[in-house]
Amino acid sequence: MSRKIGIVMDPISTITIKKDSSFAMLLAAQAKGWSLFYMEQQDLFLRDGQVSATMKALTVSENAEHWYDLGEAQNRPLAEL
């Protein structure tokens, strides 16, 4: 079973990939085969006593022109990560 990691960060479209420590952690996790999930602060919510988020599967690369791809949005409990 693959490990899953979620990250709450500023809009990924606005980061500077050479300076962003969150991006460096994502690259390292992906290199280990972990599944990545992206969310922003406003995507977090509490439902029925369970902390959840609207998150998107994420893949990253060091290509300065196209450094990320996002999957479809899905509501999932953070406990699944």
PDB file of N, CA and C in Angstrom:
ATOM      1  N   MET A   1       0.846  -1.180   0.000  1.00  0.00           N
ATOM      2  CA  MET A   1       0.000   0.000   0.000  1.00  0.00           C
ATOM      3  C   MET A   1       0.889   1.241   0.000  1.00  0.00           C
ATOM      4  N   SER A   2       0.600   2.141  -0.887  1.00  0.00           N
ATOM      5  CA  SER A   2       1.362   3.381  -1.023  1.00  0.00           C
ATOM      6  C   SER A   2       1.059   4.331   0.129  1.00  0.00           C
ATOM      7  N   ARG A   3       2.067   5.011   0.583  1.00  0.00           N
ATOM      8  CA  ARG A   3       1.844   6.063   1.574  1.00  0.00           C
ATOM      9  C   ARG A   3       1.190   7.240   0.886  1.00  0.00           C
ATOM     10  N   LYS A   4       0.387   7.962   1.649  1.00  0.00           N
ATOM     11  CA  LYS A   4      -0.312   9.131   1.123  1.00  0.00           C
ATOM     12  C   LYS A   4       0.087  10.331   1.953  1.00  0.00           C
ATOM     13  N   ILE A   5       0.352  11.437   1.280  1.00  0.00           N
ATOM     14  CA  ILE A   5       0.690  12.664   1.985  1.00  0.00           C
ATOM     15  C   ILE A   5      -0.147  13.794   1.404  1.00  0.00           C
ATOM     16  N   GLY A   6      -0.730  14.565   2.289  1.00  0.00           N
ATOM     17  CA  GLY A   6      -1.482  15.743   1.880  1.00  0.00           C
ATOM     18  C   GLY A   6      -0.714  16.986   2.282  1.00  0.00           C
ATOM     19  N   ILE A   7      -0.824  18.014   1.471  1.00  0.00           N
ATOM     20  CA  ILE A   7      -0.142  19.260   1.778  1.00  0.00           C
ATOM     21  C   ILE A   7      -1.117  20.410   1.628  1.00  0.00           C
ATOM     22  N   VAL A   8      -1.127  21.262   2.644  1.00  0.00           N
ATOM     23  CA  VAL A   8      -1.902  22.501   2.612  1.00  0.00           C
ATOM     24  C   VAL A   8      -0.894  23.604   2.337  1.00  0.00           C
ATOM     25  N   MET A   9      -1.072  24.296   1.230  1.00  0.00           N
ATOM     26  CA  MET A   9      -0.086  25.302   0.846  1.00  0.00           C
ATOM     27  C   MET A   9      -0.748  26.434   0.072  1.00  0.00           C
ATOM     28  N   ASP A  10       0.034  27.468  -0.188  1.00  0.00           N
ATOM     29  CA  ASP A  10      -0.416  28.559  -1.040  1.00  0.00           C
ATOM     30  C   ASP A  10      -0.676  27.997  -2.437  1.00  0.00           C
ATOM     31  N   PRO A  11      -1.368  28.751  -3.280  1.00  0.00           N
ATOM     32  CA  PRO A  11      -1.637  28.243  -4.630  1.00  0.00           C
ATOM     33  C   PRO A  11      -0.351  27.767  -5.319  1.00  0.00           C
ATOM     34  N   ILE A  12      -0.355  26.518  -5.726  1.00  0.00           N
ATOM     35  CA  ILE A  12       0.850  25.928  -6.317  1.00  0.00           C
ATOM     36  C   ILE A  12       1.232  26.620  -7.623  1.00  0.00           C
ATOM     37  N   SER A  13       0.268  27.243  -8.260  1.00  0.00           N
ATOM     38  CA  SER A  13       0.555  27.932  -9.529  1.00  0.00           C
ATOM     39  C   SER A  13       1.420  29.174  -9.334  1.00  0.00           C
ATOM     40  N   THR A  14       1.534  29.657  -8.088  1.00  0.00           N
ATOM     41  CA  THR A  14       2.259  30.908  -7.835  1.00  0.00           C
ATOM     42  C   THR A  14       3.622  30.715  -7.183  1.00  0.00           C
ATOM     43  N   ILE A  15       4.017  29.482  -6.908  1.00  0.00           N
ATOM     44  CA  ILE A  15       5.271  29.276  -6.182  1.00  0.00           C
ATOM     45  C   ILE A  15       6.484  29.413  -7.102  1.00  0.00           C
ATOM     46  N   THR A  16       7.627  29.658  -6.495  1.00  0.00           N
ATOM     47  CA  THR A  16       8.916  29.633  -7.188  1.00  0.00           C
ATOM     48  C   THR A  16       9.555  28.296  -6.837  1.00  0.00           C
ATOM     49  N   ILE A  17       9.593  27.383  -7.787  1.00  0.00           N
ATOM     50  CA  ILE A  17       9.961  26.004  -7.452  1.00  0.00           C
ATOM     51  C   ILE A  17      11.390  25.864  -6.943  1.00  0.00           C
ATOM     52  N   LYS A  18      12.280  26.746  -7.314  1.00  0.00           N
ATOM     53  CA  LYS A  18      13.667  26.639  -6.840  1.00  0.00           C
ATOM     54  C   LYS A  18      13.830  27.102  -5.404  1.00  0.00           C
ATOM     55  N   LYS A  19      12.840  27.831  -4.865  1.00  0.00           N
ATOM     56  CA  LYS A  19      12.959  28.380  -3.516  1.00  0.00           C
ATOM     57  C   LYS A  19      11.942  27.816  -2.534  1.00  0.00           C
ATOM     58  N   ASP A  20      10.956  27.095  -3.000  1.00  0.00           N
ATOM     59  CA  ASP A  20       9.843  26.671  -2.152  1.00  0.00           C
ATOM     60  C   ASP A  20      10.154  25.348  -1.452  1.00  0.00           C
ATOM     61  N   SER A  21      10.208  25.374  -0.125  1.00  0.00           N
ATOM     62  CA  SER A  21      10.540  24.158   0.631  1.00  0.00           C
ATOM     63  C   SER A  21       9.420  23.124   0.551  1.00  0.00           C
ATOM     64  N   SER A  22       8.169  23.555   0.468  1.00  0.00           N
ATOM     65  CA  SER A  22       7.059  22.605   0.320  1.00  0.00           C
ATOM     66  C   SER A  22       7.207  21.816  -0.976  1.00  0.00           C
ATOM     67  N   PHE A  23       7.602  22.498  -2.034  1.00  0.00           N
ATOM     68  CA  PHE A  23       7.785  21.833  -3.322  1.00  0.00           C
ATOM     69  C   PHE A  23       8.917  20.805  -3.241  1.00  0.00           C
ATOM     70  N   ALA A  24       9.985  21.148  -2.567  1.00  0.00           N
ATOM     71  CA  ALA A  24      11.102  20.209  -2.394  1.00  0.00           C
ATOM     72  C   ALA A  24      10.650  18.959  -1.646  1.00  0.00           C
ATOM     73  N   MET A  25       9.822  19.132  -0.621  1.00  0.00           N
ATOM     74  CA  MET A  25       9.306  17.975   0.123  1.00  0.00           C
ATOM     75  C   MET A  25       8.402  17.120  -0.761  1.00  0.00           C
ATOM     76  N   LEU A  26       7.594  17.763  -1.603  1.00  0.00           N
ATOM     77  CA  LEU A  26       6.728  17.017  -2.518  1.00  0.00           C
ATOM     78  C   LEU A  26       7.547  16.192  -3.505  1.00  0.00           C
ATOM     79  N   LEU A  27       8.589  16.776  -4.058  1.00  0.00           N
ATOM     80  CA  LEU A  27       9.456  16.031  -4.980  1.00  0.00           C
ATOM     81  C   LEU A  27      10.063  14.808  -4.297  1.00  0.00           C
ATOM     82  N   ALA A  28      10.531  14.984  -3.071  1.00  0.00           N
ATOM     83  CA  ALA A  28      11.150  13.877  -2.337  1.00  0.00           C
ATOM     84  C   ALA A  28      10.137  12.775  -2.039  1.00  0.00           C
ATOM     85  N   ALA A  29       8.943  13.158  -1.616  1.00  0.00           N
ATOM     86  CA  ALA A  29       7.906  12.166  -1.309  1.00  0.00           C
ATOM     87  C   ALA A  29       7.500  11.405  -2.570  1.00  0.00           C
ATOM     88  N   GLN A  30       7.337  12.120  -3.654  1.00  0.00           N
ATOM     89  CA  GLN A  30       6.962  11.478  -4.917  1.00  0.00           C
ATOM     90  C   GLN A  30       8.060  10.517  -5.381  1.00  0.00           C
ATOM     91  N   ALA A  31       9.314  10.894  -5.203  1.00  0.00           N
ATOM     92  CA  ALA A  31      10.435  10.028  -5.585  1.00  0.00           C
ATOM     93  C   ALA A  31      10.426   8.717  -4.798  1.00  0.00           C
ATOM     94  N   LYS A  32       9.852   8.736  -3.598  1.00  0.00           N
ATOM     95  CA  LYS A  32       9.744   7.522  -2.779  1.00  0.00           C
ATOM     96  C   LYS A  32       8.501   6.708  -3.116  1.00  0.00           C
ATOM     97  N   GLY A  33       7.710   7.198  -4.088  1.00  0.00           N
ATOM     98  CA  GLY A  33       6.522   6.458  -4.492  1.00  0.00           C
ATOM     99  C   GLY A  33       5.264   6.810  -3.723  1.00  0.00           C
ATOM    100  N   TRP A  34       5.307   7.857  -2.937  1.00  0.00           N
ATOM    101  CA  TRP A  34       4.143   8.256  -2.161  1.00  0.00           C
ATOM    102  C   TRP A  34       3.117   8.938  -3.057  1.00  0.00           C
ATOM    103  N   SER A  35       1.848   8.805  -2.716  1.00  0.00           N
ATOM    104  CA  SER A  35       0.768   9.509  -3.404  1.00  0.00           C
ATOM    105  C   SER A  35       0.617  10.886  -2.780  1.00  0.00           C
ATOM    106  N   LEU A  36       0.520  11.916  -3.617  1.00  0.00           N
ATOM    107  CA  LEU A  36       0.443  13.301  -3.151  1.00  0.00           C
ATOM    108  C   LEU A  36      -0.968  13.847  -3.329  1.00  0.00           C
ATOM    109  N   PHE A  37      -1.405  14.634  -2.334  1.00  0.00           N
ATOM    110  CA  PHE A  37      -2.705  15.294  -2.399  1.00  0.00           C
ATOM    111  C   PHE A  37      -2.536  16.752  -2.013  1.00  0.00           C
ATOM    112  N   TYR A  38      -3.122  17.629  -2.820  1.00  0.00           N
ATOM    113  CA  TYR A  38      -2.961  19.075  -2.680  1.00  0.00           C
ATOM    114  C   TYR A  38      -4.252  19.711  -2.190  1.00  0.00           C
ATOM    115  N   MET A  39      -4.092  20.666  -1.264  1.00  0.00           N
ATOM    116  CA  MET A  39      -5.228  21.456  -0.798  1.00  0.00           C
ATOM    117  C   MET A  39      -4.734  22.814  -0.333  1.00  0.00           C
ATOM    118  N   GLU A  40      -5.654  23.767  -0.320  1.00  0.00           N
ATOM    119  CA  GLU A  40      -5.381  25.090   0.215  1.00  0.00           C
ATOM    120  C   GLU A  40      -6.189  25.250   1.495  1.00  0.00           C
ATOM    121  N   GLN A  41      -5.868  26.256   2.279  1.00  0.00           N
ATOM    122  CA  GLN A  41      -6.495  26.420   3.589  1.00  0.00           C
ATOM    123  C   GLN A  41      -8.021  26.442   3.500  1.00  0.00           C
ATOM    124  N   GLN A  42      -8.573  27.114   2.493  1.00  0.00           N
ATOM    125  CA  GLN A  42     -10.025  27.213   2.382  1.00  0.00           C
ATOM    126  C   GLN A  42     -10.682  25.890   1.994  1.00  0.00           C
ATOM    127  N   ASP A  43      -9.892  24.875   1.663  1.00  0.00           N
ATOM    128  CA  ASP A  43     -10.427  23.563   1.301  1.00  0.00           C
ATOM    129  C   ASP A  43     -10.693  22.671   2.511  1.00  0.00           C
ATOM    130  N   LEU A  44     -10.248  23.080   3.689  1.00  0.00           N
ATOM    131  CA  LEU A  44     -10.424  22.284   4.905  1.00  0.00           C
ATOM    132  C   LEU A  44     -11.801  22.538   5.504  1.00  0.00           C
ATOM    133  N   PHE A  45     -12.427  21.484   6.042  1.00  0.00           N
ATOM    134  CA  PHE A  45     -13.731  21.649   6.679  1.00  0.00           C
ATOM    135  C   PHE A  45     -13.972  20.530   7.690  1.00  0.00           C
ATOM    136  N   LEU A  46     -14.958  20.755   8.540  1.00  0.00           N
ATOM    137  CA  LEU A  46     -15.361  19.784   9.557  1.00  0.00           C
ATOM    138  C   LEU A  46     -16.764  19.320   9.217  1.00  0.00           C
ATOM    139  N   ARG A  47     -16.959  18.008   9.099  1.00  0.00           N
ATOM    140  CA  ARG A  47     -18.274  17.453   8.802  1.00  0.00           C
ATOM    141  C   ARG A  47     -18.496  16.232   9.687  1.00  0.00           C
ATOM    142  N   ASP A  48     -19.591  16.262  10.423  1.00  0.00           N
ATOM    143  CA  ASP A  48     -19.936  15.151  11.321  1.00  0.00           C
ATOM    144  C   ASP A  48     -18.786  14.799  12.256  1.00  0.00           C
ATOM    145  N   GLY A  49     -18.100  15.823  12.751  1.00  0.00           N
ATOM    146  CA  GLY A  49     -17.006  15.617  13.691  1.00  0.00           C
ATOM    147  C   GLY A  49     -15.721  15.109  13.067  1.00  0.00           C
ATOM    148  N   GLN A  50     -15.659  15.065  11.754  1.00  0.00           N
ATOM    149  CA  GLN A  50     -14.470  14.553  11.063  1.00  0.00           C
ATOM    150  C   GLN A  50     -13.843  15.665  10.219  1.00  0.00           C
ATOM    151  N   VAL A  51     -12.544  15.892  10.432  1.00  0.00           N
ATOM    152  CA  VAL A  51     -11.831  16.896   9.643  1.00  0.00           C
ATOM    153  C   VAL A  51     -11.593  16.324   8.247  1.00  0.00           C
ATOM    154  N   SER A  52     -12.020  17.085   7.248  1.00  0.00           N
ATOM    155  CA  SER A  52     -11.924  16.646   5.857  1.00  0.00           C
ATOM    156  C   SER A  52     -11.415  17.789   5.000  1.00  0.00           C
ATOM    157  N   ALA A  53     -11.238  17.506   3.730  1.00  0.00           N
ATOM    158  CA  ALA A  53     -10.804  18.549   2.798  1.00  0.00           C
ATOM    159  C   ALA A  53     -11.257  18.195   1.396  1.00  0.00           C
ATOM    160  N   THR A  54     -11.419  19.226   0.607  1.00  0.00           N
ATOM    161  CA  THR A  54     -11.562  19.050  -0.830  1.00  0.00           C
ATOM    162  C   THR A  54     -10.136  19.045  -1.365  1.00  0.00           C
ATOM    163  N   MET A  55      -9.686  17.889  -1.822  1.00  0.00           N
ATOM    164  CA  MET A  55      -8.286  17.736  -2.224  1.00  0.00           C
ATOM    165  C   MET A  55      -8.195  17.210  -3.644  1.00  0.00           C
ATOM    166  N   LYS A  56      -7.021  17.392  -4.229  1.00  0.00           N
ATOM    167  CA  LYS A  56      -6.759  16.923  -5.587  1.00  0.00           C
ATOM    168  C   LYS A  56      -5.473  16.113  -5.588  1.00  0.00           C
ATOM    169  N   ALA A  57      -5.494  14.989  -6.292  1.00  0.00           N
ATOM    170  CA  ALA A  57      -4.252  14.238  -6.486  1.00  0.00           C
ATOM    171  C   ALA A  57      -3.271  15.149  -7.214  1.00  0.00           C
ATOM    172  N   LEU A  58      -1.997  15.010  -6.889  1.00  0.00           N
ATOM    173  CA  LEU A  58      -0.970  15.916  -7.391  1.00  0.00           C
ATOM    174  C   LEU A  58       0.234  15.127  -7.881  1.00  0.00           C
ATOM    175  N   THR A  59       0.775  15.535  -9.016  1.00  0.00           N
ATOM    176  CA  THR A  59       2.089  15.068  -9.452  1.00  0.00           C
ATOM    177  C   THR A  59       2.942  16.304  -9.710  1.00  0.00           C
ATOM    178  N   VAL A  60       4.217  16.204  -9.398  1.00  0.00           N
ATOM    179  CA  VAL A  60       5.127  17.345  -9.532  1.00  0.00           C
ATOM    180  C   VAL A  60       6.339  16.953 -10.372  1.00  0.00           C
ATOM    181  N   SER A  61       6.972  17.968 -10.950  1.00  0.00           N
ATOM    182  CA  SER A  61       8.214  17.750 -11.696  1.00  0.00           C
ATOM    183  C   SER A  61       9.063  19.006 -11.584  1.00  0.00           C
ATOM    184  N   GLU A  62      10.323  18.880 -11.924  1.00  0.00           N
ATOM    185  CA  GLU A  62      11.235  20.023 -11.854  1.00  0.00           C
ATOM    186  C   GLU A  62      11.240  20.849 -13.137  1.00  0.00           C
ATOM    187  N   ASN A  63      10.291  20.634 -14.003  1.00  0.00           N
ATOM    188  CA  ASN A  63      10.150  21.405 -15.235  1.00  0.00           C
ATOM    189  C   ASN A  63       9.630  22.798 -14.882  1.00  0.00           C
ATOM    190  N   ALA A  64      10.430  23.819 -15.079  1.00  0.00           N
ATOM    191  CA  ALA A  64      10.065  25.185 -14.696  1.00  0.00           C
ATOM    192  C   ALA A  64       8.876  25.729 -15.486  1.00  0.00           C
ATOM    193  N   GLU A  65       8.542  25.111 -16.596  1.00  0.00           N
ATOM    194  CA  GLU A  65       7.407  25.561 -17.416  1.00  0.00           C
ATOM    195  C   GLU A  65       6.104  24.885 -16.999  1.00  0.00           C
ATOM    196  N   HIS A  66       6.193  23.668 -16.481  1.00  0.00           N
ATOM    197  CA  HIS A  66       4.992  22.884 -16.127  1.00  0.00           C
ATOM    198  C   HIS A  66       5.362  21.968 -14.957  1.00  0.00           C
ATOM    199  N   TRP A  67       5.290  22.509 -13.737  1.00  0.00           N
ATOM    200  CA  TRP A  67       5.814  21.793 -12.568  1.00  0.00           C
ATOM    201  C   TRP A  67       4.788  20.990 -11.795  1.00  0.00           C
ATOM    202  N   TYR A  68       3.518  21.005 -12.209  1.00  0.00           N
ATOM    203  CA  TYR A  68       2.526  20.226 -11.472  1.00  0.00           C
ATOM    204  C   TYR A  68       1.353  19.855 -12.376  1.00  0.00           C
ATOM    205  N   ASP A  69       0.670  18.785 -11.988  1.00  0.00           N
ATOM    206  CA  ASP A  69      -0.607  18.377 -12.576  1.00  0.00           C
ATOM    207  C   ASP A  69      -1.525  18.020 -11.424  1.00  0.00           C
ATOM    208  N   LEU A  70      -2.775  18.449 -11.527  1.00  0.00           N
ATOM    209  CA  LEU A  70      -3.766  18.182 -10.491  1.00  0.00           C
ATOM    210  C   LEU A  70      -4.867  17.283 -11.036  1.00  0.00           C
ATOM    211  N   GLY A  71      -5.333  16.372 -10.190  1.00  0.00           N
ATOM    212  CA  GLY A  71      -6.462  15.522 -10.539  1.00  0.00           C
ATOM    213  C   GLY A  71      -7.777  16.216 -10.212  1.00  0.00           C
ATOM    214  N   GLU A  72      -8.846  15.458 -10.290  1.00  0.00           N
ATOM    215  CA  GLU A  72     -10.179  15.972  -9.983  1.00  0.00           C
ATOM    216  C   GLU A  72     -10.327  16.198  -8.480  1.00  0.00           C
ATOM    217  N   ALA A  73     -11.079  17.223  -8.124  1.00  0.00           N
ATOM    218  CA  ALA A  73     -11.342  17.512  -6.711  1.00  0.00           C
ATOM    219  C   ALA A  73     -12.201  16.401  -6.109  1.00  0.00           C
ATOM    220  N   GLN A  74     -11.867  16.029  -4.875  1.00  0.00           N
ATOM    221  CA  GLN A  74     -12.636  15.017  -4.154  1.00  0.00           C
ATOM    222  C   GLN A  74     -12.651  15.364  -2.678  1.00  0.00           C
ATOM    223  N   ASN A  75     -13.782  15.160  -2.035  1.00  0.00           N
ATOM    224  CA  ASN A  75     -13.890  15.379  -0.594  1.00  0.00           C
ATOM    225  C   ASN A  75     -13.493  14.093   0.110  1.00  0.00           C
ATOM    226  N   ARG A  76     -12.482  14.198   0.991  1.00  0.00           N
ATOM    227  CA  ARG A  76     -11.992  13.022   1.712  1.00  0.00           C
ATOM    228  C   ARG A  76     -11.622  13.413   3.127  1.00  0.00           C
ATOM    229  N   PRO A  77     -11.789  12.508   4.077  1.00  0.00           N
ATOM    230  CA  PRO A  77     -11.315  12.766   5.438  1.00  0.00           C
ATOM    231  C   PRO A  77      -9.786  12.810   5.461  1.00  0.00           C
ATOM    232  N   LEU A  78      -9.240  13.718   6.246  1.00  0.00           N
ATOM    233  CA  LEU A  78      -7.780  13.792   6.363  1.00  0.00           C
ATOM    234  C   LEU A  78      -7.208  12.525   6.990  1.00  0.00           C
ATOM    235  N   ALA A  79      -8.013  11.820   7.759  1.00  0.00           N
ATOM    236  CA  ALA A  79      -7.550  10.584   8.393  1.00  0.00           C
ATOM    237  C   ALA A  79      -7.152   9.520   7.368  1.00  0.00           C
ATOM    238  N   GLU A  80      -7.600   9.654   6.123  1.00  0.00           N
ATOM    239  CA  GLU A  80      -7.223   8.693   5.079  1.00  0.00           C
ATOM    240  C   GLU A  80      -5.789   8.887   4.603  1.00  0.00           C
ATOM    241  N   LEU A  81      -5.201  10.023   4.948  1.00  0.00           N
ATOM    242  CA  LEU A  81      -3.840  10.316   4.487  1.00  0.00           C
ATOM    243  C   LEU A  81      -2.824   9.822   5.497  1.00  0.00           C
TER     244      LEU A  81
END
